[in-house]
Amino acid sequence: MSDLDIIQTPTTFDPFADANAENSGAGSKDYIHIRVQQRNGRKSLTTVQGLKKEFSYNKILKDLKKEFCCNGTVVQDPELGQVIQLQGDQRKNVSSFLVQAGIVKKEHIKIHGF
C-alpha cells in the first residue's frame, strides 16, 4: 500500500451541524438559543428563540430593552415561533438576565456566534 492510498480527501465542515442535529431530536425544545447575526458594517442583531409559550414575550422584551438600553422587537416566524430580536451583540447580557430572572436555568441556554 502506498502513501497515496492512505491520504484522505478533506471534507467540508458544517459549523451548524450540531445545532441542526439537536433540532431534529425530541428534546430540542429544552434549549434557549441566543444567536448574533451580522448586519451592515459593525451593526449586529441578537436573537433569542426557544422560550416557553406561557411567558409574555412583550414583557420580557420590555425589560431587556430597559436593562440594556437597546431597541428590539418580537418577530413571528412560521418555523421557529416567536423570536425576540435586540439591537447589538447582547448574547452574554441576555443569558445572564434570563438566569437571574428565573426564566431558565443556565444549563438550558445555548449561545451561538463568533
PDB file of N, CA and C in Angstrom:
ATOM      1  N   MET A   1       0.850  -1.177   0.000  1.00  0.00           N
ATOM      2  CA  MET A   1       0.000   0.000   0.000  1.00  0.00           C
ATOM      3  C   MET A   1       0.889   1.231   0.000  1.00  0.00           C
ATOM      4  N   SER A   2       0.634   2.142  -0.868  1.00  0.00           N
ATOM      5  CA  SER A   2       1.452   3.351  -0.945  1.00  0.00           C
ATOM      6  C   SER A   2       0.841   4.450  -0.072  1.00  0.00           C
ATOM      7  N   ASP A   3       1.598   5.528   0.068  1.00  0.00           N
ATOM      8  CA  ASP A   3       1.134   6.653   0.878  1.00  0.00           C
ATOM      9  C   ASP A   3      -0.067   7.352   0.254  1.00  0.00           C
ATOM     10  N   LEU A   4      -0.213   7.266  -1.047  1.00  0.00           N
ATOM     11  CA  LEU A   4      -1.330   7.932  -1.719  1.00  0.00           C
ATOM     12  C   LEU A   4      -2.657   7.262  -1.415  1.00  0.00           C
ATOM     13  N   ASP A   5      -2.628   5.956  -1.108  1.00  0.00           N
ATOM     14  CA  ASP A   5      -3.871   5.270  -0.774  1.00  0.00           C
ATOM     15  C   ASP A   5      -4.386   5.667   0.603  1.00  0.00           C
ATOM     16  N   ILE A   6      -3.496   6.087   1.489  1.00  0.00           N
ATOM     17  CA  ILE A   6      -3.868   6.413   2.862  1.00  0.00           C
ATOM     18  C   ILE A   6      -4.407   7.835   2.983  1.00  0.00           C
ATOM     19  N   ILE A   7      -3.968   8.725   2.103  1.00  0.00           N
ATOM     20  CA  ILE A   7      -4.367  10.127   2.187  1.00  0.00           C
ATOM     21  C   ILE A   7      -5.868  10.251   1.946  1.00  0.00           C
ATOM     22  N   GLN A   8      -6.511  10.996   2.861  1.00  0.00           N
ATOM     23  CA  GLN A   8      -7.944  11.219   2.736  1.00  0.00           C
ATOM     24  C   GLN A   8      -8.197  12.601   2.156  1.00  0.00           C
ATOM     25  N   THR A   9      -9.218  12.686   1.378  1.00  0.00           N
ATOM     26  CA  THR A   9      -9.583  13.992   0.839  1.00  0.00           C
ATOM     27  C   THR A   9     -10.288  14.791   1.925  1.00  0.00           C
ATOM     28  N   PRO A  10     -10.044  16.091   1.983  1.00  0.00           N
ATOM     29  CA  PRO A  10     -10.703  16.899   3.009  1.00  0.00           C
ATOM     30  C   PRO A  10     -12.202  16.993   2.749  1.00  0.00           C
ATOM     31  N   THR A  11     -12.959  16.964   3.826  1.00  0.00           N
ATOM     32  CA  THR A  11     -14.409  17.082   3.716  1.00  0.00           C
ATOM     33  C   THR A  11     -14.825  18.477   4.158  1.00  0.00           C
ATOM     34  N   THR A  12     -15.994  18.876   3.758  1.00  0.00           N
ATOM     35  CA  THR A  12     -16.485  20.188   4.149  1.00  0.00           C
ATOM     36  C   THR A  12     -16.945  20.137   5.599  1.00  0.00           C
ATOM     37  N   PHE A  13     -16.722  21.221   6.305  1.00  0.00           N
ATOM     38  CA  PHE A  13     -17.090  21.329   7.708  1.00  0.00           C
ATOM     39  C   PHE A  13     -18.313  22.224   7.829  1.00  0.00           C
ATOM     40  N   ASP A  14     -19.341  21.718   8.485  1.00  0.00           N
ATOM     41  CA  ASP A  14     -20.560  22.487   8.686  1.00  0.00           C
ATOM     42  C   ASP A  14     -20.622  22.921  10.145  1.00  0.00           C
ATOM     43  N   PRO A  15     -20.422  24.223  10.463  1.00  0.00           N
ATOM     44  CA  PRO A  15     -20.427  24.656  11.855  1.00  0.00           C
ATOM     45  C   PRO A  15     -21.803  24.568  12.510  1.00  0.00           C
ATOM     46  N   PHE A  16     -22.864  24.478  11.702  1.00  0.00           N
ATOM     47  CA  PHE A  16     -24.209  24.418  12.266  1.00  0.00           C
ATOM     48  C   PHE A  16     -24.750  22.989  12.310  1.00  0.00           C
ATOM     49  N   ALA A  17     -23.914  22.006  12.059  1.00  0.00           N
ATOM     50  CA  ALA A  17     -24.369  20.617  12.032  1.00  0.00           C
ATOM     51  C   ALA A  17     -24.860  20.182  13.404  1.00  0.00           C
ATOM     52  N   ASP A  18     -24.170  20.585  14.477  1.00  0.00           N
ATOM     53  CA  ASP A  18     -24.603  20.180  15.804  1.00  0.00           C
ATOM     54  C   ASP A  18     -25.926  20.836  16.175  1.00  0.00           C
ATOM     55  N   ALA A  19     -26.147  22.082  15.754  1.00  0.00           N
ATOM     56  CA  ALA A  19     -27.423  22.754  16.029  1.00  0.00           C
ATOM     57  C   ALA A  19     -28.556  22.094  15.256  1.00  0.00           C
ATOM     58  N   ASN A  20     -28.293  21.685  14.012  1.00  0.00           N
ATOM     59  CA  ASN A  20     -29.321  21.011  13.222  1.00  0.00           C
ATOM     60  C   ASN A  20     -29.626  19.639  13.786  1.00  0.00           C
ATOM     61  N   ALA A  21     -28.623  18.945  14.292  1.00  0.00           N
ATOM     62  CA  ALA A  21     -28.833  17.626  14.877  1.00  0.00           C
ATOM     63  C   ALA A  21     -29.653  17.729  16.161  1.00  0.00           C
ATOM     64  N   GLU A  22     -29.417  18.801  16.939  1.00  0.00           N
ATOM     65  CA  GLU A  22     -30.176  18.984  18.171  1.00  0.00           C
ATOM     66  C   GLU A  22     -31.630  19.294  17.870  1.00  0.00           C
ATOM     67  N   ASN A  23     -31.896  20.060  16.819  1.00  0.00           N
ATOM     68  CA  ASN A  23     -33.264  20.433  16.493  1.00  0.00           C
ATOM     69  C   ASN A  23     -34.077  19.252  16.005  1.00  0.00           C
ATOM     70  N   SER A  24     -33.411  18.217  15.470  1.00  0.00           N
ATOM     71  CA  SER A  24     -34.149  17.070  14.974  1.00  0.00           C
ATOM     72  C   SER A  24     -34.535  16.120  16.098  1.00  0.00           C
ATOM     73  N   GLY A  25     -33.899  16.252  17.266  1.00  0.00           N
ATOM     74  CA  GLY A  25     -34.188  15.363  18.384  1.00  0.00           C
ATOM     75  C   GLY A  25     -35.470  15.741  19.085  1.00  0.00           C
ATOM     76  N   ALA A  26     -35.911  14.849  19.978  1.00  0.00           N
ATOM     77  CA  ALA A  26     -37.167  15.080  20.681  1.00  0.00           C
ATOM     78  C   ALA A  26     -37.007  16.126  21.776  1.00  0.00           C
ATOM     79  N   GLY A  27     -35.805  16.295  22.328  1.00  0.00           N
ATOM     80  CA  GLY A  27     -35.603  17.224  23.431  1.00  0.00           C
ATOM     81  C   GLY A  27     -35.106  18.580  22.999  1.00  0.00           C
ATOM     82  N   SER A  28     -35.321  18.985  21.776  1.00  0.00           N
ATOM     83  CA  SER A  28     -34.770  20.250  21.294  1.00  0.00           C
ATOM     84  C   SER A  28     -35.506  21.448  21.884  1.00  0.00           C
ATOM     85  N   LYS A  29     -36.691  21.259  22.437  1.00  0.00           N
ATOM     86  CA  LYS A  29     -37.454  22.366  22.994  1.00  0.00           C
ATOM     87  C   LYS A  29     -36.901  22.795  24.354  1.00  0.00           C
ATOM     88  N   ASP A  30     -35.952  22.037  24.923  1.00  0.00           N
ATOM     89  CA  ASP A  30     -35.416  22.359  26.232  1.00  0.00           C
ATOM     90  C   ASP A  30     -34.461  23.548  26.200  1.00  0.00           C
ATOM     91  N   TYR A  31     -33.870  23.840  25.060  1.00  0.00           N
ATOM     92  CA  TYR A  31     -32.819  24.841  24.989  1.00  0.00           C
ATOM     93  C   TYR A  31     -33.343  26.192  24.522  1.00  0.00           C
ATOM     94  N   ILE A  32     -32.745  27.237  25.097  1.00  0.00           N
ATOM     95  CA  ILE A  32     -32.962  28.603  24.642  1.00  0.00           C
ATOM     96  C   ILE A  32     -31.749  28.945  23.787  1.00  0.00           C
ATOM     97  N   HIS A  33     -31.959  29.295  22.532  1.00  0.00           N
ATOM     98  CA  HIS A  33     -30.861  29.596  21.615  1.00  0.00           C
ATOM     99  C   HIS A  33     -30.715  31.107  21.497  1.00  0.00           C
ATOM    100  N   ILE A  34     -29.499  31.588  21.802  1.00  0.00           N
ATOM    101  CA  ILE A  34     -29.183  33.011  21.693  1.00  0.00           C
ATOM    102  C   ILE A  34     -28.126  33.141  20.611  1.00  0.00           C
ATOM    103  N   ARG A  35     -28.466  33.853  19.543  1.00  0.00           N
ATOM    104  CA  ARG A  35     -27.576  33.979  18.391  1.00  0.00           C
ATOM    105  C   ARG A  35     -27.301  35.439  18.081  1.00  0.00           C
ATOM    106  N   VAL A  36     -26.195  35.666  17.370  1.00  0.00           N
ATOM    107  CA  VAL A  36     -25.876  37.002  16.879  1.00  0.00           C
ATOM    108  C   VAL A  36     -25.791  36.917  15.363  1.00  0.00           C
ATOM    109  N   GLN A  37     -26.349  37.925  14.688  1.00  0.00           N
ATOM    110  CA  GLN A  37     -26.305  37.994  13.229  1.00  0.00           C
ATOM    111  C   GLN A  37     -25.668  39.318  12.841  1.00  0.00           C
ATOM    112  N   GLN A  38     -24.792  39.263  11.861  1.00  0.00           N
ATOM    113  CA  GLN A  38     -24.124  40.477  11.393  1.00  0.00           C
ATOM    114  C   GLN A  38     -25.036  41.230  10.436  1.00  0.00           C
ATOM    115  N   ARG A  39     -25.151  42.519  10.650  1.00  0.00           N
ATOM    116  CA  ARG A  39     -25.902  43.368   9.727  1.00  0.00           C
ATOM    117  C   ARG A  39     -24.913  44.110   8.847  1.00  0.00           C
ATOM    118  N   ASN A  40     -25.047  45.414   8.684  1.00  0.00           N
ATOM    119  CA  ASN A  40     -24.122  46.174   7.835  1.00  0.00           C
ATOM    120  C   ASN A  40     -22.973  46.686   8.698  1.00  0.00           C
ATOM    121  N   GLY A  41     -21.764  46.498   8.219  1.00  0.00           N
ATOM    122  CA  GLY A  41     -20.594  47.036   8.910  1.00  0.00           C
ATOM    123  C   GLY A  41     -20.435  46.468  10.296  1.00  0.00           C
ATOM    124  N   ARG A  42     -20.449  47.339  11.299  1.00  0.00           N
ATOM    125  CA  ARG A  42     -20.274  46.899  12.689  1.00  0.00           C
ATOM    126  C   ARG A  42     -21.594  46.590  13.375  1.00  0.00           C
ATOM    127  N   LYS A  43     -22.693  46.776  12.708  1.00  0.00           N
ATOM    128  CA  LYS A  43     -24.006  46.558  13.316  1.00  0.00           C
ATOM    129  C   LYS A  43     -24.307  45.069  13.433  1.00  0.00           C
ATOM    130  N   SER A  44     -24.946  44.687  14.526  1.00  0.00           N
ATOM    131  CA  SER A  44     -25.302  43.283  14.715  1.00  0.00           C
ATOM    132  C   SER A  44     -26.681  43.194  15.353  1.00  0.00           C
ATOM    133  N   LEU A  45     -27.209  41.992  15.358  1.00  0.00           N
ATOM    134  CA  LEU A  45     -28.557  41.721  15.826  1.00  0.00           C
ATOM    135  C   LEU A  45     -28.515  40.465  16.687  1.00  0.00           C
ATOM    136  N   THR A  46     -29.097  40.500  17.869  1.00  0.00           N
ATOM    137  CA  THR A  46     -29.151  39.342  18.758  1.00  0.00           C
ATOM    138  C   THR A  46     -30.556  38.766  18.718  1.00  0.00           C
ATOM    139  N   THR A  47     -30.661  37.444  18.524  1.00  0.00           N
ATOM    140  CA  THR A  47     -31.967  36.785  18.508  1.00  0.00           C
ATOM    141  C   THR A  47     -32.046  35.775  19.643  1.00  0.00           C
ATOM    142  N   VAL A  48     -33.228  35.698  20.247  1.00  0.00           N
ATOM    143  CA  VAL A  48     -33.498  34.758  21.334  1.00  0.00           C
ATOM    144  C   VAL A  48     -34.688  33.913  20.913  1.00  0.00           C
ATOM    145  N   GLN A  49     -34.500  32.597  20.843  1.00  0.00           N
ATOM    146  CA  GLN A  49     -35.600  31.716  20.462  1.00  0.00           C
ATOM    147  C   GLN A  49     -35.650  30.523  21.395  1.00  0.00           C
ATOM    148  N   GLY A  50     -36.824  29.949  21.501  1.00  0.00           N
ATOM    149  CA  GLY A  50     -36.995  28.745  22.300  1.00  0.00           C
ATOM    150  C   GLY A  50     -37.608  28.981  23.664  1.00  0.00           C
ATOM    151  N   LEU A  51     -38.018  30.210  23.962  1.00  0.00           N
ATOM    152  CA  LEU A  51     -38.693  30.454  25.235  1.00  0.00           C
ATOM    153  C   LEU A  51     -40.047  29.756  25.242  1.00  0.00           C
ATOM    154  N   LYS A  52     -40.501  29.367  26.408  1.00  0.00           N
ATOM    155  CA  LYS A  52     -41.785  28.684  26.507  1.00  0.00           C
ATOM    156  C   LYS A  52     -42.914  29.637  26.156  1.00  0.00           C
ATOM    157  N   LYS A  53     -43.994  29.059  25.657  1.00  0.00           N
ATOM    158  CA  LYS A  53     -45.110  29.869  25.163  1.00  0.00           C
ATOM    159  C   LYS A  53     -45.880  30.556  26.287  1.00  0.00           C
ATOM    160  N   GLU A  54     -45.771  30.062  27.522  1.00  0.00           N
ATOM    161  CA  GLU A  54     -46.539  30.682  28.605  1.00  0.00           C
ATOM    162  C   GLU A  54     -45.936  32.008  29.073  1.00  0.00           C
ATOM    163  N   PHE A  55     -44.708  32.313  28.660  1.00  0.00           N
ATOM    164  CA  PHE A  55     -44.099  33.594  29.009  1.00  0.00           C
ATOM    165  C   PHE A  55     -44.631  34.691  28.089  1.00  0.00           C
ATOM    166  N   SER A  56     -44.735  35.879  28.636  1.00  0.00           N
ATOM    167  CA  SER A  56     -45.137  37.035  27.840  1.00  0.00           C
ATOM    168  C   SER A  56     -43.888  37.613  27.177  1.00  0.00           C
ATOM    169  N   TYR A  57     -43.778  37.407  25.877  1.00  0.00           N
ATOM    170  CA  TYR A  57     -42.598  37.852  25.140  1.00  0.00           C
ATOM    171  C   TYR A  57     -42.462  39.366  25.191  1.00  0.00           C
ATOM    172  N   ASN A  58     -43.577  40.066  25.141  1.00  0.00           N
ATOM    173  CA  ASN A  58     -43.528  41.529  25.137  1.00  0.00           C
ATOM    174  C   ASN A  58     -43.023  42.076  26.468  1.00  0.00           C
ATOM    175  N   LYS A  59     -43.384  41.441  27.581  1.00  0.00           N
ATOM    176  CA  LYS A  59     -42.896  41.897  28.884  1.00  0.00           C
ATOM    177  C   LYS A  59     -41.402  41.620  29.036  1.00  0.00           C
ATOM    178  N   ILE A  60     -40.956  40.446  28.570  1.00  0.00           N
ATOM    179  CA  ILE A  60     -39.527  40.119  28.618  1.00  0.00           C
ATOM    180  C   ILE A  60     -38.753  41.102  27.749  1.00  0.00           C
ATOM    181  N   LEU A  61     -39.286  41.390  26.550  1.00  0.00           N
ATOM    182  CA  LEU A  61     -38.629  42.333  25.643  1.00  0.00           C
ATOM    183  C   LEU A  61     -38.544  43.719  26.270  1.00  0.00           C
ATOM    184  N   LYS A  62     -39.601  44.153  26.923  1.00  0.00           N
ATOM    185  CA  LYS A  62     -39.617  45.469  27.555  1.00  0.00           C
ATOM    186  C   LYS A  62     -38.533  45.561  28.629  1.00  0.00           C
ATOM    187  N   ASP A  63     -38.392  44.512  29.436  1.00  0.00           N
ATOM    188  CA  ASP A  63     -37.371  44.514  30.477  1.00  0.00           C
ATOM    189  C   ASP A  63     -35.963  44.460  29.890  1.00  0.00           C
ATOM    190  N   LEU A  64     -35.782  43.668  28.819  1.00  0.00           N
ATOM    191  CA  LEU A  64     -34.467  43.589  28.174  1.00  0.00           C
ATOM    192  C   LEU A  64     -34.066  44.938  27.590  1.00  0.00           C
ATOM    193  N   LYS A  65     -35.007  45.605  26.917  1.00  0.00           N
ATOM    194  CA  LYS A  65     -34.716  46.896  26.308  1.00  0.00           C
ATOM    195  C   LYS A  65     -34.353  47.934  27.371  1.00  0.00           C
ATOM    196  N   LYS A  66     -35.068  47.907  28.481  1.00  0.00           N
ATOM    197  CA  LYS A  66     -34.809  48.880  29.543  1.00  0.00           C
ATOM    198  C   LYS A  66     -33.478  48.587  30.237  1.00  0.00           C
ATOM    199  N   GLU A  67     -33.173  47.320  30.432  1.00  0.00           N
ATOM    200  CA  GLU A  67     -31.956  46.922  31.135  1.00  0.00           C
ATOM    201  C   GLU A  67     -30.694  47.230  30.326  1.00  0.00           C
ATOM    202  N   PHE A  68     -30.724  46.969  29.010  1.00  0.00           N
ATOM    203  CA  PHE A  68     -29.513  47.072  28.188  1.00  0.00           C
ATOM    204  C   PHE A  68     -29.496  48.301  27.285  1.00  0.00           C
ATOM    205  N   CYS A  69     -30.482  49.179  27.410  1.00  0.00           N
ATOM    206  CA  CYS A  69     -30.528  50.427  26.633  1.00  0.00           C
ATOM    207  C   CYS A  69     -30.380  50.161  25.139  1.00  0.00           C
ATOM    208  N   CYS A  70     -31.218  49.279  24.622  1.00  0.00           N
ATOM    209  CA  CYS A  70     -31.195  48.982  23.190  1.00  0.00           C
ATOM    210  C   CYS A  70     -32.637  48.836  22.719  1.00  0.00           C
ATOM    211  N   ASN A  71     -32.824  48.803  21.417  1.00  0.00           N
ATOM    212  CA  ASN A  71     -34.146  48.632  20.854  1.00  0.00           C
ATOM    213  C   ASN A  71     -34.337  47.168  20.472  1.00  0.00           C
ATOM    214  N   GLY A  72     -35.574  46.749  20.305  1.00  0.00           N
ATOM    215  CA  GLY A  72     -35.840  45.369  19.937  1.00  0.00           C
ATOM    216  C   GLY A  72     -37.276  45.169  19.532  1.00  0.00           C
ATOM    217  N   THR A  73     -37.568  43.939  19.103  1.00  0.00           N
ATOM    218  CA  THR A  73     -38.918  43.603  18.661  1.00  0.00           C
ATOM    219  C   THR A  73     -39.133  42.104  18.820  1.00  0.00           C
ATOM    220  N   VAL A  74     -40.402  41.702  18.767  1.00  0.00           N
ATOM    221  CA  VAL A  74     -40.771  40.293  18.746  1.00  0.00           C
ATOM    222  C   VAL A  74     -41.257  39.976  17.347  1.00  0.00           C
ATOM    223  N   VAL A  75     -40.639  38.960  16.719  1.00  0.00           N
ATOM    224  CA  VAL A  75     -40.957  38.584  15.347  1.00  0.00           C
ATOM    225  C   VAL A  75     -41.614  37.211  15.358  1.00  0.00           C
ATOM    226  N   GLN A  76     -42.677  37.052  14.583  1.00  0.00           N
ATOM    227  CA  GLN A  76     -43.357  35.762  14.445  1.00  0.00           C
ATOM    228  C   GLN A  76     -42.782  35.025  13.248  1.00  0.00           C
ATOM    229  N   ASP A  77     -42.153  33.874  13.486  1.00  0.00           N
ATOM    230  CA  ASP A  77     -41.561  33.071  12.419  1.00  0.00           C
ATOM    231  C   ASP A  77     -42.399  31.811  12.252  1.00  0.00           C
ATOM    232  N   PRO A  78     -42.688  31.385  11.014  1.00  0.00           N
ATOM    233  CA  PRO A  78     -43.530  30.194  10.834  1.00  0.00           C
ATOM    234  C   PRO A  78     -42.900  28.912  11.365  1.00  0.00           C
ATOM    235  N   GLU A  79     -41.578  28.769  11.281  1.00  0.00           N
ATOM    236  CA  GLU A  79     -40.928  27.549  11.758  1.00  0.00           C
ATOM    237  C   GLU A  79     -40.544  27.630  13.228  1.00  0.00           C
ATOM    238  N   LEU A  80     -40.012  28.781  13.658  1.00  0.00           N
ATOM    239  CA  LEU A  80     -39.433  28.904  14.995  1.00  0.00           C
ATOM    240  C   LEU A  80     -40.394  29.468  16.025  1.00  0.00           C
ATOM    241  N   GLY A  81     -41.538  29.950  15.612  1.00  0.00           N
ATOM    242  CA  GLY A  81     -42.466  30.577  16.546  1.00  0.00           C
ATOM    243  C   GLY A  81     -42.064  32.020  16.780  1.00  0.00           C
ATOM    244  N   GLN A  82     -42.243  32.500  18.005  1.00  0.00           N
ATOM    245  CA  GLN A  82     -41.891  33.873  18.312  1.00  0.00           C
ATOM    246  C   GLN A  82     -40.401  33.967  18.641  1.00  0.00           C
ATOM    247  N   VAL A  83     -39.745  34.982  18.086  1.00  0.00           N
ATOM    248  CA  VAL A  83     -38.318  35.207  18.286  1.00  0.00           C
ATOM    249  C   VAL A  83     -38.127  36.649  18.735  1.00  0.00           C
ATOM    250  N   ILE A  84     -37.341  36.847  19.791  1.00  0.00           N
ATOM    251  CA  ILE A  84     -37.019  38.187  20.271  1.00  0.00           C
ATOM    252  C   ILE A  84     -35.761  38.651  19.548  1.00  0.00           C
ATOM    253  N   GLN A  85     -35.802  39.861  18.982  1.00  0.00           N
ATOM    254  CA  GLN A  85     -34.640  40.449  18.320  1.00  0.00           C
ATOM    255  C   GLN A  85     -34.232  41.707  19.069  1.00  0.00           C
ATOM    256  N   LEU A  86     -32.931  41.835  19.340  1.00  0.00           N
ATOM    257  CA  LEU A  86     -32.388  43.008  20.010  1.00  0.00           C
ATOM    258  C   LEU A  86     -31.261  43.598  19.171  1.00  0.00           C
ATOM    259  N   GLN A  87     -31.104  44.915  19.240  1.00  0.00           N
ATOM    260  CA  GLN A  87     -30.008  45.557  18.531  1.00  0.00           C
ATOM    261  C   GLN A  87     -28.713  45.347  19.295  1.00  0.00           C
ATOM    262  N   GLY A  88     -27.634  45.092  18.552  1.00  0.00           N
ATOM    263  CA  GLY A  88     -26.316  44.942  19.155  1.00  0.00           C
ATOM    264  C   GLY A  88     -26.039  43.516  19.571  1.00  0.00           C
ATOM    265  N   ASP A  89     -24.812  43.279  20.008  1.00  0.00           N
ATOM    266  CA  ASP A  89     -24.389  41.957  20.482  1.00  0.00           C
ATOM    267  C   ASP A  89     -24.678  41.876  21.979  1.00  0.00           C
ATOM    268  N   GLN A  90     -25.814  41.313  22.329  1.00  0.00           N
ATOM    269  CA  GLN A  90     -26.267  41.247  23.713  1.00  0.00           C
ATOM    270  C   GLN A  90     -26.318  39.814  24.227  1.00  0.00           C
ATOM    271  N   ARG A  91     -25.548  38.903  23.643  1.00  0.00           N
ATOM    272  CA  ARG A  91     -25.648  37.479  23.983  1.00  0.00           C
ATOM    273  C   ARG A  91     -25.406  37.204  25.464  1.00  0.00           C
ATOM    274  N   LYS A  92     -24.291  37.681  25.990  1.00  0.00           N
ATOM    275  CA  LYS A  92     -23.962  37.406  27.395  1.00  0.00           C
ATOM    276  C   LYS A  92     -24.912  38.133  28.331  1.00  0.00           C
ATOM    277  N   ASN A  93     -25.298  39.344  27.974  1.00  0.00           N
ATOM    278  CA  ASN A  93     -26.243  40.101  28.801  1.00  0.00           C
ATOM    279  C   ASN A  93     -27.592  39.382  28.892  1.00  0.00           C
ATOM    280  N   VAL A  94     -28.085  38.915  27.753  1.00  0.00           N
ATOM    281  CA  VAL A  94     -29.392  38.249  27.725  1.00  0.00           C
ATOM    282  C   VAL A  94     -29.341  36.948  28.513  1.00  0.00           C
ATOM    283  N   SER A  95     -28.269  36.170  28.357  1.00  0.00           N
ATOM    284  CA  SER A  95     -28.188  34.896  29.076  1.00  0.00           C
ATOM    285  C   SER A  95     -28.151  35.131  30.586  1.00  0.00           C
ATOM    286  N   SER A  96     -27.376  36.118  31.044  1.00  0.00           N
ATOM    287  CA  SER A  96     -27.330  36.388  32.484  1.00  0.00           C
ATOM    288  C   SER A  96     -28.668  36.933  32.984  1.00  0.00           C
ATOM    289  N   PHE A  97     -29.348  37.739  32.165  1.00  0.00           N
ATOM    290  CA  PHE A  97     -30.654  38.273  32.547  1.00  0.00           C
ATOM    291  C   PHE A  97     -31.687  37.157  32.715  1.00  0.00           C
ATOM    292  N   LEU A  98     -31.716  36.213  31.752  1.00  0.00           N
ATOM    293  CA  LEU A  98     -32.690  35.129  31.821  1.00  0.00           C
ATOM    294  C   LEU A  98     -32.446  34.230  33.034  1.00  0.00           C
ATOM    295  N   VAL A  99     -31.190  34.027  33.412  1.00  0.00           N
ATOM    296  CA  VAL A  99     -30.875  33.202  34.576  1.00  0.00           C
ATOM    297  C   VAL A  99     -31.252  33.938  35.857  1.00  0.00           C
ATOM    298  N   GLN A 100     -30.899  35.228  35.953  1.00  0.00           N
ATOM    299  CA  GLN A 100     -31.203  35.998  37.160  1.00  0.00           C
ATOM    300  C   GLN A 100     -32.700  36.197  37.353  1.00  0.00           C
ATOM    301  N   ALA A 101     -33.447  36.309  36.268  1.00  0.00           N
ATOM    302  CA  ALA A 101     -34.895  36.493  36.362  1.00  0.00           C
ATOM    303  C   ALA A 101     -35.608  35.181  36.683  1.00  0.00           C
ATOM    304  N   GLY A 102     -34.902  34.059  36.607  1.00  0.00           N
ATOM    305  CA  GLY A 102     -35.506  32.764  36.910  1.00  0.00           C
ATOM    306  C   GLY A 102     -36.331  32.209  35.770  1.00  0.00           C
ATOM    307  N   ILE A 103     -36.142  32.713  34.574  1.00  0.00           N
ATOM    308  CA  ILE A 103     -36.908  32.243  33.421  1.00  0.00           C
ATOM    309  C   ILE A 103     -36.390  30.887  32.955  1.00  0.00           C
ATOM    310  N   VAL A 104     -35.073  30.715  33.002  1.00  0.00           N
ATOM    311  CA  VAL A 104     -34.462  29.480  32.515  1.00  0.00           C
ATOM    312  C   VAL A 104     -33.194  29.217  33.324  1.00  0.00           C
ATOM    313  N   LYS A 105     -32.790  27.935  33.408  1.00  0.00           N
ATOM    314  CA  LYS A 105     -31.546  27.584  34.087  1.00  0.00           C
ATOM    315  C   LYS A 105     -30.374  27.763  33.127  1.00  0.00           C
ATOM    316  N   LYS A 106     -29.195  27.966  33.711  1.00  0.00           N
ATOM    317  CA  LYS A 106     -28.005  28.252  32.905  1.00  0.00           C
ATOM    318  C   LYS A 106     -27.657  27.099  31.965  1.00  0.00           C
ATOM    319  N   GLU A 107     -27.869  25.864  32.368  1.00  0.00           N
ATOM    320  CA  GLU A 107     -27.512  24.720  31.520  1.00  0.00           C
ATOM    321  C   GLU A 107     -28.466  24.525  30.346  1.00  0.00           C
ATOM    322  N   HIS A 108     -29.570  25.261  30.303  1.00  0.00           N
ATOM    323  CA  HIS A 108     -30.519  25.162  29.201  1.00  0.00           C
ATOM    324  C   HIS A 108     -30.348  26.271  28.168  1.00  0.00           C
ATOM    325  N   ILE A 109     -29.265  27.052  28.281  1.00  0.00           N
ATOM    326  CA  ILE A 109     -29.011  28.154  27.346  1.00  0.00           C
ATOM    327  C   ILE A 109     -27.853  27.764  26.431  1.00  0.00           C
ATOM    328  N   LYS A 110     -28.063  27.931  25.133  1.00  0.00           N
ATOM    329  CA  LYS A 110     -27.001  27.724  24.137  1.00  0.00           C
ATOM    330  C   LYS A 110     -26.721  29.054  23.467  1.00  0.00           C
ATOM    331  N   ILE A 111     -25.451  29.501  23.544  1.00  0.00           N
ATOM    332  CA  ILE A 111     -25.053  30.745  22.913  1.00  0.00           C
ATOM    333  C   ILE A 111     -24.296  30.408  21.648  1.00  0.00           C
ATOM    334  N   HIS A 112     -24.773  30.930  20.509  1.00  0.00           N
ATOM    335  CA  HIS A 112     -24.168  30.675  19.202  1.00  0.00           C
ATOM    336  C   HIS A 112     -23.533  31.965  18.694  1.00  0.00           C
ATOM    337  N   GLY A 113     -22.584  31.838  17.796  1.00  0.00           N
ATOM    338  CA  GLY A 113     -21.993  33.002  17.156  1.00  0.00           C
ATOM    339  C   GLY A 113     -20.489  32.964  17.171  1.00  0.00           C
ATOM    340  N   PHE A 114     -19.903  34.035  16.695  1.00  0.00           N
ATOM    341  CA  PHE A 114     -18.454  34.074  16.556  1.00  0.00           C
ATOM    342  C   PHE A 114     -17.775  34.382  17.823  1.00  0.00           C
TER     343      PHE A 114
END
